[in-house]
């Protein structure tokens, strides 16, 4: 599939096919914008709908963002135990209760490599 950046056309071609298809865009819009260019690899997200918050775990803290504006509006610092091996202690899990009044945070060492949860 080839999509033109300036044009509103897409060309689709399958292997062993005698022709190709040309598609046109029906509407022109760009709904993707960059609001934060930080690296969020291995971070855990959690949305609190009742408070309109988005929480993202970093290494030793939970950063809170407003769901509407995506501006940082707070932070929860997590005191981690000192590690004596090469794997650092970090926030490895975050969960809310069903009524969204309680927040559970698990910290420890992430010893499983390359596994998606």
N, C-alpha and C. Protein backbone atom coordinates (compact mmCIF):
# COMPACT_ATOMS: atom_id res chain seq x y z
N UNK A 1 0.84 -1.17 0.00
CA UNK A 1 0.00 0.00 0.00
C UNK A 1 0.89 1.24 0.00
N UNK A 2 0.60 2.17 -0.87
CA UNK A 2 1.34 3.42 -0.96
C UNK A 2 0.35 4.55 -0.69
N UNK A 3 0.67 5.40 0.28
CA UNK A 3 -0.20 6.51 0.63
C UNK A 3 0.56 7.80 0.39
N UNK A 4 -0.02 8.69 -0.38
CA UNK A 4 0.62 9.96 -0.65
C UNK A 4 0.45 10.92 0.50
N UNK A 5 1.53 11.59 0.88
CA UNK A 5 1.47 12.53 2.00
C UNK A 5 0.75 13.82 1.66
N UNK A 6 0.96 14.34 0.46
CA UNK A 6 0.32 15.59 0.08
C UNK A 6 -0.98 15.36 -0.67
N UNK A 7 -1.12 14.21 -1.27
CA UNK A 7 -2.33 13.91 -2.03
C UNK A 7 -3.33 13.18 -1.15
N UNK A 8 -4.51 13.04 -1.64
CA UNK A 8 -5.52 12.30 -0.90
C UNK A 8 -5.85 10.99 -1.59
N UNK A 9 -4.81 10.32 -2.10
CA UNK A 9 -4.98 9.06 -2.80
C UNK A 9 -4.17 7.96 -2.11
N UNK A 10 -4.64 6.75 -2.22
CA UNK A 10 -3.93 5.57 -1.74
C UNK A 10 -3.95 4.53 -2.85
N UNK A 11 -2.81 3.93 -3.12
CA UNK A 11 -2.70 2.90 -4.15
C UNK A 11 -2.45 1.58 -3.45
N UNK A 12 -3.28 0.60 -3.73
CA UNK A 12 -3.19 -0.71 -3.08
C UNK A 12 -2.92 -1.75 -4.15
N UNK A 13 -1.85 -2.54 -3.97
CA UNK A 13 -1.47 -3.55 -4.94
C UNK A 13 -1.16 -4.85 -4.21
N UNK A 14 -1.71 -5.95 -4.66
CA UNK A 14 -1.43 -7.26 -4.08
C UNK A 14 -0.53 -8.04 -5.04
N UNK A 15 0.30 -8.87 -4.46
CA UNK A 15 1.22 -9.68 -5.26
C UNK A 15 0.43 -10.68 -6.12
N UNK A 16 0.90 -10.92 -7.33
CA UNK A 16 0.27 -11.82 -8.30
C UNK A 16 -1.11 -11.35 -8.73
N UNK A 17 -1.33 -10.06 -8.69
CA UNK A 17 -2.59 -9.49 -9.15
C UNK A 17 -2.31 -8.65 -10.38
N UNK A 18 -3.19 -8.71 -11.36
CA UNK A 18 -2.91 -8.05 -12.64
C UNK A 18 -3.18 -6.55 -12.61
N UNK A 19 -3.88 -6.04 -11.61
CA UNK A 19 -4.17 -4.61 -11.57
C UNK A 19 -4.01 -4.11 -10.14
N UNK A 20 -4.17 -2.83 -9.95
CA UNK A 20 -4.09 -2.24 -8.62
C UNK A 20 -5.31 -1.36 -8.39
N UNK A 21 -5.62 -1.11 -7.12
CA UNK A 21 -6.78 -0.31 -6.74
C UNK A 21 -6.32 1.06 -6.29
N UNK A 22 -7.08 2.07 -6.64
CA UNK A 22 -6.81 3.44 -6.21
C UNK A 22 -7.98 3.89 -5.34
N UNK A 23 -7.66 4.31 -4.12
CA UNK A 23 -8.67 4.79 -3.19
C UNK A 23 -8.47 6.28 -2.96
N UNK A 24 -9.54 6.98 -2.70
CA UNK A 24 -9.45 8.41 -2.37
C UNK A 24 -10.02 8.62 -0.97
N UNK A 25 -9.49 9.63 -0.29
CA UNK A 25 -9.98 10.00 1.02
C UNK A 25 -11.29 10.73 0.90
N UNK A 26 -12.20 10.42 1.77
CA UNK A 26 -13.49 11.09 1.74
C UNK A 26 -13.43 12.44 2.45
N UNK A 27 -12.72 12.48 3.58
CA UNK A 27 -12.62 13.71 4.38
C UNK A 27 -11.14 14.00 4.64
N UNK A 28 -10.81 15.26 4.71
CA UNK A 28 -9.45 15.67 5.03
C UNK A 28 -9.41 16.13 6.49
N UNK A 29 -8.72 15.40 7.34
CA UNK A 29 -8.54 15.81 8.73
C UNK A 29 -7.26 15.20 9.26
N UNK A 30 -6.71 15.82 10.27
CA UNK A 30 -5.53 15.32 10.95
C UNK A 30 -5.79 15.46 12.43
N UNK A 31 -6.22 14.38 13.06
CA UNK A 31 -6.58 14.42 14.47
C UNK A 31 -5.41 14.08 15.38
N UNK A 32 -4.25 13.79 14.85
CA UNK A 32 -3.10 13.44 15.67
C UNK A 32 -2.20 14.64 15.86
N UNK A 33 -1.93 14.97 17.10
CA UNK A 33 -0.99 16.03 17.43
C UNK A 33 -0.07 15.52 18.53
N UNK A 34 1.10 16.07 18.63
CA UNK A 34 2.03 15.71 19.69
C UNK A 34 1.77 16.61 20.88
N UNK A 35 1.41 15.99 21.99
CA UNK A 35 1.17 16.78 23.20
C UNK A 35 2.25 16.55 24.24
N UNK A 36 3.03 15.49 24.10
CA UNK A 36 4.11 15.21 25.02
C UNK A 36 5.09 14.29 24.30
N UNK A 37 6.34 14.67 24.23
CA UNK A 37 7.32 13.88 23.48
C UNK A 37 8.20 13.03 24.40
N UNK A 38 7.77 12.80 25.63
CA UNK A 38 8.56 11.99 26.57
C UNK A 38 8.48 10.51 26.19
N UNK A 39 9.45 9.74 26.64
CA UNK A 39 9.49 8.31 26.37
C UNK A 39 8.69 7.58 27.46
N UNK A 40 7.63 6.88 27.06
CA UNK A 40 6.77 6.16 28.01
C UNK A 40 6.91 4.66 27.86
N UNK A 41 8.08 4.18 27.50
CA UNK A 41 8.32 2.76 27.38
C UNK A 41 8.32 2.13 28.77
N UNK A 42 7.66 1.00 28.93
CA UNK A 42 7.52 0.26 30.19
C UNK A 42 6.73 1.01 31.25
N UNK A 43 5.95 2.00 30.88
CA UNK A 43 5.09 2.71 31.81
C UNK A 43 3.71 2.07 31.82
N UNK A 44 3.02 2.20 32.93
CA UNK A 44 1.68 1.64 33.06
C UNK A 44 0.66 2.78 33.10
N UNK A 45 -0.33 2.78 32.19
CA UNK A 45 -1.36 3.83 32.22
C UNK A 45 -2.59 3.38 33.00
N UNK A 46 -3.34 4.36 33.50
CA UNK A 46 -4.59 4.09 34.20
C UNK A 46 -5.46 5.33 34.07
N UNK A 47 -6.71 5.14 33.69
CA UNK A 47 -7.64 6.27 33.55
C UNK A 47 -8.64 6.24 34.69
N UNK A 48 -8.81 7.38 35.35
CA UNK A 48 -9.82 7.55 36.40
C UNK A 48 -10.91 8.42 35.78
N UNK A 49 -12.00 7.81 35.37
CA UNK A 49 -13.05 8.50 34.62
C UNK A 49 -13.76 9.53 35.49
N UNK A 50 -14.07 9.18 36.75
CA UNK A 50 -14.84 10.07 37.61
C UNK A 50 -14.09 11.37 37.92
N UNK A 51 -12.77 11.32 37.99
CA UNK A 51 -11.97 12.51 38.28
C UNK A 51 -11.39 13.14 37.02
N UNK A 52 -11.65 12.56 35.85
CA UNK A 52 -11.09 13.01 34.58
C UNK A 52 -9.57 13.10 34.65
N UNK A 53 -8.95 12.01 35.12
CA UNK A 53 -7.50 11.95 35.24
C UNK A 53 -6.95 10.79 34.44
N UNK A 54 -5.75 10.95 33.96
CA UNK A 54 -4.98 9.90 33.32
C UNK A 54 -3.69 9.77 34.12
N UNK A 55 -3.46 8.59 34.68
CA UNK A 55 -2.26 8.37 35.49
C UNK A 55 -1.28 7.50 34.72
N UNK A 56 -0.01 7.87 34.76
CA UNK A 56 1.05 7.13 34.07
C UNK A 56 2.17 6.89 35.07
N UNK A 57 2.58 5.61 35.21
CA UNK A 57 3.65 5.30 36.14
C UNK A 57 5.00 5.53 35.47
N UNK A 58 5.86 6.19 36.17
CA UNK A 58 7.24 6.33 35.76
C UNK A 58 8.07 5.42 36.65
N UNK A 59 9.37 5.58 36.69
CA UNK A 59 10.23 4.68 37.44
C UNK A 59 9.86 4.66 38.93
N UNK A 60 9.78 5.82 39.56
CA UNK A 60 9.50 5.88 41.00
C UNK A 60 8.40 6.88 41.33
N UNK A 61 7.52 7.15 40.39
CA UNK A 61 6.43 8.10 40.64
C UNK A 61 5.28 7.83 39.70
N UNK A 62 4.12 8.38 40.05
CA UNK A 62 2.93 8.31 39.23
C UNK A 62 2.60 9.75 38.85
N UNK A 63 2.58 10.03 37.57
CA UNK A 63 2.28 11.37 37.07
C UNK A 63 0.82 11.41 36.65
N UNK A 64 0.11 12.47 37.08
CA UNK A 64 -1.31 12.62 36.76
C UNK A 64 -1.48 13.69 35.69
N UNK A 65 -2.30 13.39 34.69
CA UNK A 65 -2.60 14.31 33.61
C UNK A 65 -4.11 14.53 33.55
N UNK A 66 -4.52 15.72 33.15
CA UNK A 66 -5.93 15.99 32.91
C UNK A 66 -6.34 15.30 31.63
N UNK A 67 -7.47 14.57 31.65
CA UNK A 67 -7.90 13.81 30.47
C UNK A 67 -8.31 14.71 29.32
N UNK A 68 -8.80 15.90 29.59
CA UNK A 68 -9.27 16.78 28.53
C UNK A 68 -8.14 17.55 27.87
N UNK A 69 -7.22 18.10 28.66
CA UNK A 69 -6.17 18.95 28.11
C UNK A 69 -4.82 18.24 28.01
N UNK A 70 -4.66 17.08 28.66
CA UNK A 70 -3.42 16.32 28.72
C UNK A 70 -2.26 17.13 29.30
N UNK A 71 -2.59 18.05 30.21
CA UNK A 71 -1.58 18.82 30.94
C UNK A 71 -1.31 18.12 32.26
N UNK A 72 -0.06 18.16 32.70
CA UNK A 72 0.31 17.55 33.97
C UNK A 72 -0.33 18.31 35.12
N UNK A 73 -1.02 17.61 36.01
CA UNK A 73 -1.71 18.29 37.10
C UNK A 73 -1.35 17.75 38.48
N UNK A 74 -0.43 16.83 38.56
CA UNK A 74 -0.02 16.33 39.86
C UNK A 74 0.94 15.17 39.74
N UNK A 75 1.40 14.72 40.92
CA UNK A 75 2.38 13.64 40.96
C UNK A 75 2.30 12.94 42.30
N UNK A 76 2.45 11.62 42.30
CA UNK A 76 2.53 10.82 43.52
C UNK A 76 3.92 10.21 43.55
N UNK A 77 4.70 10.56 44.56
CA UNK A 77 6.05 10.00 44.69
C UNK A 77 5.96 8.66 45.40
N UNK A 78 6.71 7.68 44.92
CA UNK A 78 6.74 6.34 45.49
C UNK A 78 8.14 6.11 46.04
N UNK A 79 8.23 5.79 47.34
CA UNK A 79 9.53 5.50 47.94
C UNK A 79 9.85 4.02 47.69
N UNK A 80 10.89 3.77 46.93
CA UNK A 80 11.27 2.41 46.57
C UNK A 80 12.38 1.91 47.48
N UNK A 81 12.45 0.59 47.64
CA UNK A 81 13.54 -0.01 48.39
C UNK A 81 14.82 0.07 47.57
N UNK A 82 15.94 0.15 48.28
CA UNK A 82 17.23 0.21 47.60
C UNK A 82 17.53 -1.14 46.97
N UNK A 83 17.94 -1.13 45.72
CA UNK A 83 18.25 -2.37 45.01
C UNK A 83 19.73 -2.67 45.06
N UNK A 84 20.08 -3.94 45.18
CA UNK A 84 21.50 -4.31 45.21
C UNK A 84 21.88 -5.17 44.01
N UNK A 85 21.03 -5.19 42.99
CA UNK A 85 21.35 -5.92 41.77
C UNK A 85 21.23 -4.97 40.58
N UNK A 86 21.45 -5.49 39.39
CA UNK A 86 21.43 -4.61 38.22
C UNK A 86 20.03 -4.17 37.83
N UNK A 87 18.96 -4.94 38.20
CA UNK A 87 17.59 -4.55 37.89
C UNK A 87 17.11 -3.54 38.93
N UNK A 88 16.66 -2.37 38.51
CA UNK A 88 16.20 -1.38 39.48
C UNK A 88 14.79 -1.70 39.96
N UNK A 89 14.48 -1.26 41.16
CA UNK A 89 13.11 -1.32 41.65
C UNK A 89 12.31 -0.26 40.92
N UNK A 90 11.07 -0.58 40.60
CA UNK A 90 10.22 0.36 39.86
C UNK A 90 8.76 0.03 40.13
N UNK A 91 7.87 0.90 39.69
CA UNK A 91 6.44 0.64 39.78
C UNK A 91 6.11 -0.38 38.69
N UNK A 92 5.60 -1.57 39.08
CA UNK A 92 5.33 -2.61 38.10
C UNK A 92 3.84 -2.86 37.92
N UNK A 93 3.01 -2.21 38.71
CA UNK A 93 1.57 -2.40 38.55
C UNK A 93 0.79 -1.29 39.22
N UNK A 94 -0.34 -0.93 38.61
CA UNK A 94 -1.22 0.09 39.16
C UNK A 94 -2.65 -0.31 38.82
N UNK A 95 -3.55 -0.25 39.81
CA UNK A 95 -4.93 -0.68 39.62
C UNK A 95 -5.84 0.18 40.48
N UNK A 96 -7.04 0.44 39.98
CA UNK A 96 -8.03 1.20 40.74
C UNK A 96 -9.14 0.27 41.20
N UNK A 97 -9.87 0.69 42.24
CA UNK A 97 -11.01 -0.10 42.69
C UNK A 97 -12.20 0.17 41.77
N UNK A 98 -13.25 -0.63 41.89
CA UNK A 98 -14.40 -0.48 41.00
C UNK A 98 -15.12 0.85 41.21
N UNK A 99 -15.14 1.36 42.44
CA UNK A 99 -15.79 2.64 42.69
C UNK A 99 -14.83 3.82 42.51
N UNK A 100 -13.60 3.55 42.10
CA UNK A 100 -12.57 4.55 41.81
C UNK A 100 -12.21 5.42 43.01
N UNK A 101 -12.33 4.85 44.23
CA UNK A 101 -11.95 5.58 45.44
C UNK A 101 -10.57 5.16 45.94
N UNK A 102 -10.11 3.97 45.56
CA UNK A 102 -8.85 3.46 46.04
C UNK A 102 -7.92 3.15 44.87
N UNK A 103 -6.64 3.31 45.13
CA UNK A 103 -5.62 3.07 44.12
C UNK A 103 -4.59 2.11 44.69
N UNK A 104 -4.31 1.03 43.96
CA UNK A 104 -3.30 0.06 44.38
C UNK A 104 -2.07 0.18 43.51
N UNK A 105 -0.90 0.28 44.15
CA UNK A 105 0.36 0.44 43.43
C UNK A 105 1.31 -0.66 43.91
N UNK A 106 1.89 -1.40 42.98
CA UNK A 106 2.83 -2.47 43.30
C UNK A 106 4.21 -2.06 42.78
N UNK A 107 5.19 -2.15 43.65
CA UNK A 107 6.56 -1.84 43.23
C UNK A 107 7.43 -3.07 43.43
N UNK A 108 8.45 -3.18 42.64
CA UNK A 108 9.37 -4.31 42.72
C UNK A 108 10.29 -4.31 41.53
N UNK A 109 10.81 -5.48 41.21
CA UNK A 109 11.73 -5.61 40.08
C UNK A 109 11.00 -6.29 38.94
N UNK A 110 11.14 -5.74 37.76
CA UNK A 110 10.55 -6.34 36.56
C UNK A 110 11.56 -7.31 35.99
N UNK A 111 11.43 -8.59 36.32
CA UNK A 111 12.43 -9.59 35.95
C UNK A 111 12.07 -10.34 34.68
N UNK A 112 10.91 -10.12 34.10
CA UNK A 112 10.49 -10.80 32.88
C UNK A 112 10.79 -9.87 31.72
N UNK A 113 11.69 -10.28 30.82
CA UNK A 113 12.08 -9.44 29.70
C UNK A 113 11.14 -9.63 28.53
N UNK A 114 10.83 -8.54 27.86
CA UNK A 114 10.10 -8.54 26.58
C UNK A 114 8.76 -9.25 26.64
N UNK A 115 8.06 -9.18 27.74
CA UNK A 115 6.73 -9.80 27.83
C UNK A 115 5.70 -8.71 27.95
N UNK A 116 4.69 -8.75 27.09
CA UNK A 116 3.63 -7.76 27.10
C UNK A 116 2.54 -8.20 28.06
N UNK A 117 2.03 -7.29 28.88
CA UNK A 117 0.95 -7.60 29.81
C UNK A 117 -0.36 -7.09 29.31
